[in-house]
Amino acid sequence: MSNFIPALKILFLLLFVWMSYTFIHTSIEINLFKQWSLLWSMPLIRLTLWDFYANVTVIFLWVCYKENKLSARLLWLVLLITSGGVASCAYVLIQLFKLHPGQGLKEFFGKQNV
């Protein structure tokens, strides 16, 4: 299964770049705090936010499994909440690049890959 790792690195690097661009571009275009009441009135926005936080919870549980230090867990929680997909892709990329040659998905999802 280690033959998937290079493709996953490329995929998550592309996602990281795209999400970073989208995050920055959108932040420049709109002030979320000024538009909050309008946005919150839309059911699709509420659904999207609930979906986002459900995904943050799933990813954060994996982070808690992988990280031993409370400070690292809290840092990633803040990053996941404030930057969503950017932080998710960054965390996955870090985990992928920690893998040694020959390691695969089992080690990627495992407790520690040092």
C-alpha atoms as a PDB file:
ATOM      1  CA  MET A   1       0.000   0.000   0.000  1.00  0.00           C
ATOM      2  CA  SER A   2       2.999   2.320   0.129  1.00  0.00           C
ATOM      3  CA  ASN A   3       2.629   2.955  -3.626  1.00  0.00           C
ATOM      4  CA  PHE A   4      -0.349   5.270  -2.853  1.00  0.00           C
ATOM      5  CA  ILE A   5       1.718   7.606  -0.695  1.00  0.00           C
ATOM      6  CA  PRO A   6       3.314   9.707  -3.506  1.00  0.00           C
ATOM      7  CA  ALA A   7      -0.098  10.192  -5.129  1.00  0.00           C
ATOM      8  CA  LEU A   8      -1.602  11.182  -1.773  1.00  0.00           C
ATOM      9  CA  LYS A   9       1.199  13.703  -1.226  1.00  0.00           C
ATOM     10  CA  ILE A  10       0.479  15.301  -4.599  1.00  0.00           C
ATOM     11  CA  LEU A  11      -3.290  15.260  -4.031  1.00  0.00           C
ATOM     12  CA  PHE A  12      -3.100  16.844  -0.580  1.00  0.00           C
ATOM     13  CA  LEU A  13      -0.492  19.369  -1.703  1.00  0.00           C
ATOM     14  CA  LEU A  14      -2.814  20.475  -4.511  1.00  0.00           C
ATOM     15  CA  LEU A  15      -5.754  20.615  -2.091  1.00  0.00           C
ATOM     16  CA  PHE A  16      -3.660  22.599   0.392  1.00  0.00           C
ATOM     17  CA  VAL A  17      -2.672  25.152  -2.261  1.00  0.00           C
ATOM     18  CA  TRP A  18      -6.244  25.419  -3.579  1.00  0.00           C
ATOM     19  CA  MET A  19      -7.779  25.755  -0.115  1.00  0.00           C
ATOM     20  CA  SER A  20      -5.158  28.342   0.905  1.00  0.00           C
ATOM     21  CA  TYR A  21      -5.870  30.388  -2.208  1.00  0.00           C
ATOM     22  CA  THR A  22      -9.637  30.118  -1.702  1.00  0.00           C
ATOM     23  CA  PHE A  23      -9.359  30.969   2.000  1.00  0.00           C
ATOM     24  CA  ILE A  24      -7.233  34.074   1.359  1.00  0.00           C
ATOM     25  CA  HIS A  25      -9.228  35.232  -1.683  1.00  0.00           C
ATOM     26  CA  THR A  26     -12.556  34.870   0.116  1.00  0.00           C
ATOM     27  CA  SER A  27     -11.225  36.602   3.240  1.00  0.00           C
ATOM     28  CA  ILE A  28     -10.237  39.586   1.101  1.00  0.00           C
ATOM     29  CA  GLU A  29     -13.585  39.652  -0.738  1.00  0.00           C
ATOM     30  CA  ILE A  30     -15.978  39.471   2.223  1.00  0.00           C
ATOM     31  CA  ASN A  31     -15.962  40.372   5.892  1.00  0.00           C
ATOM     32  CA  LEU A  32     -17.687  37.445   7.581  1.00  0.00           C
ATOM     33  CA  PHE A  33     -18.428  39.438  10.722  1.00  0.00           C
ATOM     34  CA  LYS A  34     -20.242  42.179   8.795  1.00  0.00           C
ATOM     35  CA  GLN A  35     -22.285  39.654   6.798  1.00  0.00           C
ATOM     36  CA  TRP A  36     -22.990  37.213   9.655  1.00  0.00           C
ATOM     37  CA  SER A  37     -26.698  37.971  10.226  1.00  0.00           C
ATOM     38  CA  LEU A  38     -27.447  37.707   6.503  1.00  0.00           C
ATOM     39  CA  LEU A  39     -25.439  34.512   6.120  1.00  0.00           C
ATOM     40  CA  TRP A  40     -26.877  32.850   9.237  1.00  0.00           C
ATOM     41  CA  SER A  41     -30.407  33.446   7.938  1.00  0.00           C
ATOM     42  CA  MET A  42     -29.699  31.077   5.015  1.00  0.00           C
ATOM     43  CA  PRO A  43     -30.429  27.392   5.769  1.00  0.00           C
ATOM     44  CA  LEU A  44     -27.651  26.249   3.421  1.00  0.00           C
ATOM     45  CA  ILE A  45     -25.072  28.288   5.358  1.00  0.00           C
ATOM     46  CA  ARG A  46     -26.270  26.802   8.658  1.00  0.00           C
ATOM     47  CA  LEU A  47     -26.050  23.318   7.166  1.00  0.00           C
ATOM     48  CA  THR A  48     -22.569  24.030   5.829  1.00  0.00           C
ATOM     49  CA  LEU A  49     -21.381  25.231   9.230  1.00  0.00           C
ATOM     50  CA  TRP A  50     -22.811  22.186  11.037  1.00  0.00           C
ATOM     51  CA  ASP A  51     -21.195  19.967   8.415  1.00  0.00           C
ATOM     52  CA  PHE A  52     -17.892  21.816   8.860  1.00  0.00           C
ATOM     53  CA  TYR A  53     -17.891  21.355  12.631  1.00  0.00           C
ATOM     54  CA  ALA A  54     -18.830  17.677  12.307  1.00  0.00           C
ATOM     55  CA  ASN A  55     -15.826  17.241   9.999  1.00  0.00           C
ATOM     56  CA  VAL A  56     -13.588  19.191  12.388  1.00  0.00           C
ATOM     57  CA  THR A  57     -14.669  16.828  15.161  1.00  0.00           C
ATOM     58  CA  VAL A  58     -13.783  13.735  13.105  1.00  0.00           C
ATOM     59  CA  ILE A  59     -10.393  15.102  12.076  1.00  0.00           C
ATOM     60  CA  PHE A  60      -9.662  16.379  15.578  1.00  0.00           C
ATOM     61  CA  LEU A  61     -10.313  12.921  17.046  1.00  0.00           C
ATOM     62  CA  TRP A  62      -7.690  11.539  14.654  1.00  0.00           C
ATOM     63  CA  VAL A  63      -5.320  14.345  15.689  1.00  0.00           C
ATOM     64  CA  CYS A  64      -5.884  13.443  19.360  1.00  0.00           C
ATOM     65  CA  TYR A  65      -5.085   9.814  18.521  1.00  0.00           C
ATOM     66  CA  LYS A  66      -1.873  10.773  16.683  1.00  0.00           C
ATOM     67  CA  GLU A  67      -0.580  13.551  18.957  1.00  0.00           C
ATOM     68  CA  ASN A  68       0.655  12.887  22.490  1.00  0.00           C
ATOM     69  CA  LYS A  69       1.011  16.471  23.709  1.00  0.00           C
ATOM     70  CA  LEU A  70      -1.992  18.479  24.851  1.00  0.00           C
ATOM     71  CA  SER A  71      -0.417  21.640  23.435  1.00  0.00           C
ATOM     72  CA  ALA A  72      -0.200  20.082  19.952  1.00  0.00           C
ATOM     73  CA  ARG A  73      -3.796  18.887  20.184  1.00  0.00           C
ATOM     74  CA  LEU A  74      -5.029  22.343  21.205  1.00  0.00           C
ATOM     75  CA  LEU A  75      -2.980  24.056  18.492  1.00  0.00           C
ATOM     76  CA  TRP A  76      -4.468  21.784  15.834  1.00  0.00           C
ATOM     77  CA  LEU A  77      -7.977  22.301  17.221  1.00  0.00           C
ATOM     78  CA  VAL A  78      -7.589  26.079  16.890  1.00  0.00           C
ATOM     79  CA  LEU A  79      -6.134  25.705  13.385  1.00  0.00           C
ATOM     80  CA  LEU A  80      -8.911  23.339  12.297  1.00  0.00           C
ATOM     81  CA  ILE A  81     -11.635  25.656  13.606  1.00  0.00           C
ATOM     82  CA  THR A  82     -10.135  28.832  12.163  1.00  0.00           C
ATOM     83  CA  SER A  83      -8.874  27.599   8.813  1.00  0.00           C
ATOM     84  CA  GLY A  84     -10.739  24.350   8.115  1.00  0.00           C
ATOM     85  CA  GLY A  85      -9.547  22.610   4.976  1.00  0.00           C
ATOM     86  CA  VAL A  86      -6.217  24.433   4.966  1.00  0.00           C
ATOM     87  CA  ALA A  87      -5.349  23.002   8.379  1.00  0.00           C
ATOM     88  CA  SER A  88      -6.781  19.578   7.525  1.00  0.00           C
ATOM     89  CA  CYS A  89      -4.651  19.326   4.392  1.00  0.00           C
ATOM     90  CA  ALA A  90      -1.598  20.618   6.260  1.00  0.00           C
ATOM     91  CA  TYR A  91      -2.009  17.986   8.982  1.00  0.00           C
ATOM     92  CA  VAL A  92      -2.421  15.185   6.451  1.00  0.00           C
ATOM     93  CA  LEU A  93       0.632  16.413   4.514  1.00  0.00           C
ATOM     94  CA  ILE A  94       2.734  16.498   7.670  1.00  0.00           C
ATOM     95  CA  GLN A  95       1.678  12.941   8.489  1.00  0.00           C
ATOM     96  CA  LEU A  96       2.418  11.781   4.934  1.00  0.00           C
ATOM     97  CA  PHE A  97       5.888  13.331   4.937  1.00  0.00           C
ATOM     98  CA  LYS A  98       6.681  11.708   8.306  1.00  0.00           C
ATOM     99  CA  LEU A  99       6.372   8.277   6.697  1.00  0.00           C
ATOM    100  CA  HIS A 100       9.585   6.406   6.010  1.00  0.00           C
ATOM    101  CA  PRO A 101      10.192   4.764   2.608  1.00  0.00           C
ATOM    102  CA  GLY A 102       8.173   1.575   2.342  1.00  0.00           C
ATOM    103  CA  GLN A 103       5.588   2.649   4.906  1.00  0.00           C
ATOM    104  CA  GLY A 104       1.999   2.865   3.758  1.00  0.00           C
ATOM    105  CA  LEU A 105      -1.521   3.598   4.857  1.00  0.00           C
ATOM    106  CA  LYS A 106      -1.321   1.319   7.896  1.00  0.00           C
ATOM    107  CA  GLU A 107       1.494   3.450   9.324  1.00  0.00           C
ATOM    108  CA  PHE A 108      -0.185   6.647   8.139  1.00  0.00           C
ATOM    109  CA  PHE A 109      -3.334   5.927  10.121  1.00  0.00           C
ATOM    110  CA  GLY A 110      -1.422   4.315  13.000  1.00  0.00           C
ATOM    111  CA  LYS A 111      -0.670   5.904  16.360  1.00  0.00           C
ATOM    112  CA  GLN A 112       2.777   7.339  15.659  1.00  0.00           C
ATOM    113  CA  ASN A 113       4.827   7.514  12.492  1.00  0.00           C
ATOM    114  CA  VAL A 114       8.216   8.763  13.611  1.00  0.00           C
END
